[in-house]
Amino acid sequence: MSPAGGSALPARASGEAERALDVARAALAAEARAVAAQAELLDADFARLVDYLASADPALLVSGTGKSGLVARRLAGTLASIGLRAVSLHPSDALHGEMGMVRPGDVLLAISKSGATDEPVALARAARERGVRIAAMVCRVPSALSRMADWTLQVRIGPEAADVELPTASSLAMSALGDALAVALIDATGFDTEDFARNHPAGNLGALLASRVEELMHRAPEEVALVREGDDISAVLVAMTERPAGAALVADPAGLLAGIVTDGDVRRGLEQGAEQFLRSSVGDIMSRNPVTCRSGTSAVEALRLMEAGPRKVYVLPVVDAGRRILGLVRMHDLATAQLRAYDEDD
């Protein structure tokens, strides 16, 4: 796109721009192929490593040099965020005194494209002598690291995204394989949203994860319209106007949730014929057995419930264990909480 009010690019500049776009697209395609190829190499070693990390709860040292070191730091942070005792450890730091933190049965995950880089190999050798289990993430098998490893996670070697041997596709594939390991461990350990919230107490994400629906909801009956199944529509419209929370909750004689009438239900009813609609009762238009959440539900879980069904909902009744109506939380409330946390981070 040319600048506003400007002229088109000269032919030469236009040709150079097209070439840059073609090169960039080819690079992305090469990296996408590299990531997709890793699924075919997942094997029993991957599954056994997941089982050991999930069941033995070892300290996990993730190590590499150069671009592999960057992958290692990212992976260590990811694994720590899902509850593993994982740290990033540079080989030279470990070889010059920081090996004191490891104990027999702990795991060293050594990342190396060649599997033969001197420092990771020396670290793996020293760690093995201390009774540490070795996992190798390498592109070349066999290699010095894979020969020492209890588990080998092989990364398929393909062309890098550039003509020079800049680690691009290979390092991205390693990073993706690390993500696959993390996701498999989430499943194996039963790590859930509540655990994630405890590990992320600060910032935008932490605020949203730590929030509970009772902190964000509109409380009934003060802030939410409550109606009965036999009420006529005019009464519903008045109640929803006085308490504009996006819906009216329908209570049965015992005060338990029987259904919901949303702004959308009213709009659709009026579109089909205002005169007939206004002669209806709440029972004619309400949605019975709506999706609900319990007091204590996290904001993130509430959002998941809103988006989980075949049809997304934007309001969620909050009830207690006996379905007594407590209030209503809206998707807008969840978004506002997230934006507020974002502003506070600034």
Protein backbone atom coordinates (compact mmCIF):
# COMPACT_ATOMS: atom_id res chain seq x y z
CA MET A 1 0.00 0.00 0.00
CA SER A 2 1.44 3.40 -0.97
CA PRO A 3 1.48 6.24 1.60
CA ALA A 4 -1.69 8.35 1.78
CA GLY A 5 -1.59 10.92 -0.99
CA GLY A 6 1.66 9.43 -2.40
CA SER A 7 2.39 7.92 -5.74
CA ALA A 8 2.97 4.28 -6.56
CA LEU A 9 6.46 2.84 -6.03
CA PRO A 10 8.88 3.06 -8.95
CA ALA A 11 9.08 -0.15 -10.98
CA ARG A 12 12.48 -1.12 -9.53
CA ALA A 13 11.37 -0.48 -5.96
CA SER A 14 8.15 -2.37 -6.61
CA GLY A 15 10.10 -5.35 -7.91
CA GLU A 16 12.35 -5.31 -4.85
CA ALA A 17 9.32 -5.17 -2.58
CA GLU A 18 7.75 -8.16 -4.30
CA ARG A 19 10.98 -10.09 -3.97
CA ALA A 20 11.15 -9.30 -0.25
CA LEU A 21 7.59 -10.57 0.18
CA ASP A 22 8.33 -13.74 -1.81
CA VAL A 23 11.45 -14.45 0.25
CA ALA A 24 9.54 -13.87 3.50
CA ARG A 25 6.70 -16.14 2.42
CA ALA A 26 9.17 -18.88 1.47
CA ALA A 27 10.83 -18.55 4.88
CA LEU A 28 7.50 -18.92 6.69
CA ALA A 29 6.60 -21.93 4.55
CA ALA A 30 9.95 -23.58 5.34
CA GLU A 31 9.45 -23.01 9.05
CA ALA A 32 5.87 -24.31 8.92
CA ARG A 33 7.10 -27.51 7.24
CA ALA A 34 9.81 -27.90 9.88
CA VAL A 35 7.30 -27.65 12.71
CA ALA A 36 4.81 -30.03 11.08
CA ALA A 37 7.53 -32.61 10.47
CA GLN A 38 8.15 -33.08 14.20
CA ALA A 39 4.86 -34.89 14.74
CA GLU A 40 6.16 -37.84 12.70
CA LEU A 41 9.23 -38.25 14.95
CA LEU A 42 7.44 -38.44 18.30
CA ASP A 43 8.21 -41.86 19.74
CA ALA A 44 8.45 -43.94 22.90
CA ASP A 45 11.33 -41.85 24.26
CA PHE A 46 9.09 -38.77 24.23
CA ALA A 47 6.34 -40.67 26.08
CA ARG A 48 8.80 -42.10 28.63
CA LEU A 49 10.27 -38.66 29.33
CA VAL A 50 6.78 -37.24 29.90
CA ASP A 51 6.03 -40.10 32.29
CA TYR A 52 9.24 -39.60 34.26
CA LEU A 53 8.86 -35.83 34.56
CA ALA A 54 5.21 -36.19 35.59
CA SER A 55 5.70 -39.00 38.12
CA ALA A 56 9.17 -38.49 39.62
CA ASP A 57 8.94 -34.68 39.93
CA PRO A 58 12.68 -34.16 39.40
CA ALA A 59 14.47 -30.86 39.20
CA LEU A 60 14.86 -30.14 35.48
CA LEU A 61 17.85 -28.26 34.08
CA VAL A 62 17.32 -27.06 30.51
CA SER A 63 20.56 -26.13 28.78
CA GLY A 64 22.00 -25.11 25.43
CA THR A 65 24.34 -22.61 23.79
CA GLY A 66 23.78 -20.02 21.08
CA LYS A 67 20.34 -20.21 19.48
CA SER A 68 19.74 -23.50 21.31
CA GLY A 69 20.35 -21.60 24.54
CA LEU A 70 17.55 -19.20 23.64
CA VAL A 71 15.25 -22.17 23.03
CA ALA A 72 16.34 -23.62 26.38
CA ARG A 73 15.54 -20.44 28.30
CA ARG A 74 12.11 -20.19 26.76
CA LEU A 75 11.33 -23.86 27.42
CA ALA A 76 12.52 -23.67 31.03
CA GLY A 77 10.20 -20.73 31.63
CA THR A 78 7.28 -22.55 30.01
CA LEU A 79 7.82 -25.70 32.05
CA ALA A 80 8.21 -23.74 35.29
CA SER A 81 4.92 -21.95 34.58
CA ILE A 82 3.09 -25.30 34.48
CA GLY A 83 4.49 -26.48 37.79
CA LEU A 84 7.76 -28.24 36.98
CA ARG A 85 10.88 -27.40 38.96
CA ALA A 86 12.61 -26.25 35.79
CA VAL A 87 15.45 -23.76 35.42
CA SER A 88 17.59 -22.62 32.52
CA LEU A 89 21.29 -23.32 33.07
CA HIS A 90 24.06 -22.26 30.71
CA PRO A 91 26.62 -25.06 30.24
CA SER A 92 29.61 -22.87 31.12
CA ASP A 93 27.94 -21.71 34.36
CA ALA A 94 27.15 -25.29 35.29
CA LEU A 95 30.66 -26.48 34.52
CA HIS A 96 32.12 -23.72 36.69
CA GLY A 97 30.29 -24.35 39.92
CA GLU A 98 26.53 -24.42 39.47
CA MET A 99 26.33 -28.20 39.18
CA GLY A 100 25.97 -28.16 42.95
CA MET A 101 22.22 -27.70 42.57
CA VAL A 102 21.60 -31.08 40.95
CA ARG A 103 20.88 -34.37 42.68
CA PRO A 104 20.73 -37.97 41.48
CA GLY A 105 17.48 -38.56 39.62
CA ASP A 106 17.22 -34.97 38.40
CA VAL A 107 17.05 -34.40 34.64
CA LEU A 108 19.28 -32.43 32.30
CA LEU A 109 17.53 -31.56 29.05
CA ALA A 110 20.41 -30.67 26.72
CA ILE A 111 19.45 -28.90 23.47
CA SER A 112 21.86 -28.91 20.53
CA LYS A 113 21.29 -28.90 16.79
CA SER A 114 24.35 -31.01 16.08
CA GLY A 115 24.33 -33.00 19.30
CA ALA A 116 28.09 -32.56 19.38
CA THR A 117 28.70 -29.02 20.67
CA ASP A 118 31.53 -29.19 23.20
CA GLU A 119 29.94 -27.45 26.20
CA PRO A 120 26.57 -29.30 26.24
CA VAL A 121 28.40 -32.60 25.74
CA ALA A 122 30.77 -31.84 28.63
CA LEU A 123 27.84 -30.82 30.81
CA ALA A 124 25.94 -34.00 30.01
CA ARG A 125 28.99 -36.09 30.82
CA ALA A 126 29.50 -34.33 34.18
CA ALA A 127 25.79 -34.55 35.01
CA ARG A 128 25.65 -38.26 34.26
CA GLU A 129 28.55 -38.86 36.66
CA ARG A 130 26.41 -37.24 39.39
CA GLY A 131 23.48 -39.60 38.74
CA VAL A 132 21.50 -37.09 36.69
CA ARG A 133 19.26 -38.47 33.94
CA ILE A 134 19.92 -37.06 30.48
CA ALA A 135 17.39 -36.00 27.85
CA ALA A 136 18.81 -34.83 24.52
CA MET A 137 16.93 -32.65 22.02
CA VAL A 138 19.06 -32.93 18.89
CA CYS A 139 18.78 -32.88 15.13
CA ARG A 140 21.44 -35.53 14.57
CA VAL A 141 21.06 -39.13 15.74
CA PRO A 142 23.36 -40.77 16.59
CA SER A 143 25.44 -38.02 18.13
CA ALA A 144 27.56 -37.54 21.22
CA LEU A 145 24.56 -36.30 23.20
CA SER A 146 22.13 -38.94 21.99
CA ARG A 147 24.58 -41.71 22.94
CA MET A 148 24.64 -40.50 26.54
CA ALA A 149 20.92 -39.79 26.75
CA ASP A 150 18.27 -41.75 28.62
CA TRP A 151 15.73 -40.14 26.29
CA THR A 152 16.34 -38.64 22.86
CA LEU A 153 13.95 -36.15 21.31
CA GLN A 154 14.97 -35.99 17.68
CA VAL A 155 14.28 -32.87 15.64
CA ARG A 156 14.02 -33.53 11.94
CA ILE A 157 16.77 -31.81 9.96
CA GLY A 158 15.55 -29.91 6.91
CA PRO A 159 16.71 -26.84 5.04
CA GLU A 160 16.87 -23.66 7.07
CA ALA A 161 14.69 -20.76 5.99
CA ALA A 162 17.71 -18.89 4.57
CA ASP A 163 20.43 -19.95 2.13
CA VAL A 164 23.01 -19.40 4.86
CA GLU A 165 22.92 -21.81 7.77
CA LEU A 166 21.22 -19.39 10.15
CA PRO A 167 19.27 -21.47 12.72
CA THR A 168 15.71 -20.60 11.77
CA ALA A 169 13.57 -23.59 10.86
CA SER A 170 15.61 -25.85 13.15
CA SER A 171 15.38 -23.58 16.21
CA LEU A 172 11.66 -23.00 15.63
CA ALA A 173 11.12 -26.76 15.35
CA MET A 174 12.97 -27.26 18.63
CA SER A 175 10.84 -24.62 20.29
CA ALA A 176 7.66 -26.26 18.96
CA LEU A 177 8.81 -29.66 20.21
CA GLY A 178 9.36 -28.07 23.63
CA ASP A 179 5.81 -26.72 23.54
CA ALA A 180 4.56 -30.22 22.66
CA LEU A 181 6.41 -31.54 25.72
CA ALA A 182 4.78 -28.88 27.92
CA VAL A 183 1.28 -29.61 26.61
CA ALA A 184 1.77 -33.36 27.12
CA LEU A 185 2.88 -32.67 30.69
CA ILE A 186 -0.18 -30.52 31.34
CA ASP A 187 -2.30 -33.52 30.40
CA ALA A 188 -0.17 -36.05 32.31
CA THR A 189 -0.08 -34.05 35.56
CA GLY A 190 -3.69 -32.85 35.49
CA PHE A 191 -2.45 -29.26 35.64
CA ASP A 192 -5.47 -26.97 35.31
CA THR A 193 -6.56 -23.35 35.17
CA GLU A 194 -6.52 -22.98 38.95
CA ASP A 195 -2.92 -24.21 39.09
CA PHE A 196 -2.01 -21.83 36.29
CA ALA A 197 -3.55 -18.93 38.20
CA ARG A 198 -1.48 -19.70 41.29
CA ASN A 199 1.68 -19.63 39.16
CA HIS A 200 0.75 -16.29 37.53
CA PRO A 201 -0.27 -14.01 40.41
CA ALA A 202 0.77 -10.74 38.76
CA GLY A 203 0.09 -8.82 35.58
CA ASN A 204 -2.71 -8.90 33.04
CA LEU A 205 -2.90 -12.69 32.79
CA GLY A 206 -2.63 -13.20 36.52
CA ALA A 207 -5.39 -10.71 37.27
CA LEU A 208 -7.78 -12.45 34.92
CA LEU A 209 -6.86 -15.93 36.13
CA ALA A 210 -7.10 -14.99 39.79
CA SER A 211 -10.45 -13.18 39.48
CA ARG A 212 -13.56 -15.05 40.55
CA VAL A 213 -17.01 -14.53 39.13
CA GLU A 214 -18.42 -13.26 42.41
CA GLU A 215 -15.93 -10.37 42.22
CA LEU A 216 -17.14 -9.40 38.73
CA MET A 217 -20.80 -10.40 38.63
CA HIS A 218 -23.92 -8.25 38.89
CA ARG A 219 -25.64 -9.38 42.05
CA ALA A 220 -29.24 -10.51 42.27
CA PRO A 221 -31.70 -9.06 43.00
CA GLU A 222 -30.08 -5.62 43.39
CA GLU A 223 -28.40 -5.45 39.96
CA VAL A 224 -30.08 -8.17 37.91
CA ALA A 225 -33.70 -8.39 36.75
CA LEU A 226 -35.48 -11.33 38.34
CA VAL A 227 -38.78 -12.46 36.81
CA ARG A 228 -41.22 -15.37 37.04
CA GLU A 229 -42.20 -17.74 34.29
CA GLY A 230 -45.79 -16.47 34.26
CA ASP A 231 -44.87 -12.76 34.04
CA ASP A 232 -45.91 -10.97 30.88
CA ILE A 233 -43.33 -9.47 28.55
CA SER A 234 -44.05 -5.88 29.50
CA ALA A 235 -42.99 -6.64 33.08
CA VAL A 236 -39.78 -8.20 31.77
CA LEU A 237 -39.00 -5.16 29.62
CA VAL A 238 -39.50 -2.83 32.58
CA ALA A 239 -37.31 -4.98 34.84
CA MET A 240 -34.52 -5.25 32.23
CA THR A 241 -34.62 -1.48 31.66
CA GLU A 242 -34.30 -0.78 35.37
CA ARG A 243 -31.43 -3.28 35.77
CA PRO A 244 -29.62 -3.33 32.40
CA ALA A 245 -27.32 -6.35 32.82
CA GLY A 246 -28.04 -7.90 29.42
CA ALA A 247 -30.57 -10.44 30.65
CA ALA A 248 -33.31 -11.27 33.12
CA LEU A 249 -33.02 -14.40 35.21
CA VAL A 250 -36.16 -16.49 35.64
CA ALA A 251 -36.72 -17.75 39.19
CA ASP A 252 -39.02 -20.58 40.17
CA PRO A 253 -41.22 -20.30 43.31
CA ALA A 254 -38.32 -21.51 45.47
CA GLY A 255 -35.96 -18.86 44.09
CA LEU A 256 -33.98 -21.35 42.01
CA LEU A 257 -32.90 -20.69 38.44
CA ALA A 258 -35.49 -21.86 35.91
CA GLY A 259 -34.26 -20.04 32.81
CA ILE A 260 -32.98 -16.85 31.26
CA VAL A 261 -34.28 -14.12 28.92
CA THR A 262 -31.54 -12.17 27.14
CA ASP A 263 -31.52 -8.89 25.26
CA GLY A 264 -31.15 -11.03 22.14
CA ASP A 265 -34.32 -12.97 22.93
CA VAL A 266 -36.23 -9.69 23.23
CA ARG A 267 -34.78 -8.30 20.00
CA ARG A 268 -35.57 -11.44 18.02
CA GLY A 269 -39.11 -11.55 19.44
CA LEU A 270 -39.80 -7.97 18.39
CA GLU A 271 -38.39 -8.61 14.92
CA GLN A 272 -40.85 -11.49 14.43
CA GLY A 273 -43.84 -9.32 15.34
CA ALA A 274 -44.11 -6.81 18.15
CA GLU A 275 -47.84 -7.20 18.78
CA GLN A 276 -47.75 -10.97 19.19
CA PHE A 277 -44.52 -10.80 21.16
CA LEU A 278 -45.92 -8.38 23.69
CA ARG A 279 -48.81 -10.78 24.37
CA SER A 280 -46.32 -13.55 25.29
CA SER A 281 -45.25 -14.61 28.74
CA VAL A 282 -41.74 -15.20 30.05
CA GLY A 283 -42.25 -18.96 29.77
CA ASP A 284 -42.88 -18.60 26.04
CA ILE A 285 -39.51 -17.05 25.22
CA MET A 286 -37.07 -17.99 27.98
CA SER A 287 -34.21 -20.44 27.52
CA ARG A 288 -34.55 -23.30 29.97
CA ASN A 289 -31.54 -24.95 31.62
CA PRO A 290 -29.05 -22.27 30.53
CA VAL A 291 -25.31 -22.67 30.91
CA THR A 292 -24.35 -21.57 34.43
CA CYS A 293 -21.34 -21.33 36.68
CA ARG A 294 -20.91 -21.72 40.41
CA SER A 295 -19.63 -19.17 42.87
CA GLY A 296 -15.84 -19.57 43.06
CA THR A 297 -15.45 -20.18 39.33
CA SER A 298 -12.44 -18.36 37.89
CA ALA A 299 -12.92 -15.67 35.28
CA VAL A 300 -11.04 -17.74 32.73
CA GLU A 301 -13.23 -20.79 33.36
CA ALA A 302 -16.33 -18.61 33.03
CA LEU A 303 -15.05 -17.38 29.69
CA ARG A 304 -14.44 -20.98 28.59
CA LEU A 305 -18.02 -21.89 29.51
CA MET A 306 -19.35 -18.97 27.47
CA GLU A 307 -17.41 -20.10 24.41
CA ALA A 308 -17.65 -23.89 24.81
CA GLY A 309 -21.10 -24.63 23.42
CA PRO A 310 -22.27 -24.79 19.83
CA ARG A 311 -23.49 -21.22 20.27
CA LYS A 312 -21.45 -18.64 22.16
CA VAL A 313 -23.26 -16.96 25.06
CA TYR A 314 -22.48 -13.50 26.42
CA VAL A 315 -24.13 -13.70 29.84
CA LEU A 316 -23.69 -16.43 32.43
CA PRO A 317 -25.93 -16.93 35.47
CA VAL A 318 -24.04 -17.52 38.72
CA VAL A 319 -25.68 -19.99 41.10
CA ASP A 320 -24.80 -21.88 44.27
CA ALA A 321 -24.71 -25.66 44.62
CA GLY A 322 -28.50 -25.79 44.89
CA ARG A 323 -29.04 -23.54 41.83
CA ARG A 324 -30.08 -20.60 44.00
CA ILE A 325 -29.58 -17.44 41.95
CA LEU A 326 -26.59 -15.34 43.03
CA GLY A 327 -26.10 -13.06 40.05
CA LEU A 328 -24.97 -12.73 36.46
CA VAL A 329 -21.55 -12.26 34.84
CA ARG A 330 -21.19 -10.86 31.33
CA MET A 331 -18.44 -11.36 28.78
CA HIS A 332 -18.11 -7.58 28.86
CA ASP A 333 -17.26 -7.78 32.58
CA LEU A 334 -14.47 -10.28 31.89
CA ALA A 335 -13.04 -8.12 29.11
CA THR A 336 -13.18 -5.03 31.32
CA ALA A 337 -11.29 -6.83 34.10
CA GLN A 338 -8.59 -7.82 31.63
CA LEU A 339 -8.25 -4.31 30.22
CA ARG A 340 -8.13 -2.83 33.73
CA ALA A 341 -5.25 -5.15 34.61
CA TYR A 342 -3.50 -4.19 31.38
CA ASP A 343 -3.76 -0.48 32.26
CA GLU A 344 -2.39 -1.15 35.76
CA ASP A 345 0.60 -2.96 34.26
CA ASP A 346 1.48 0.23 32.37
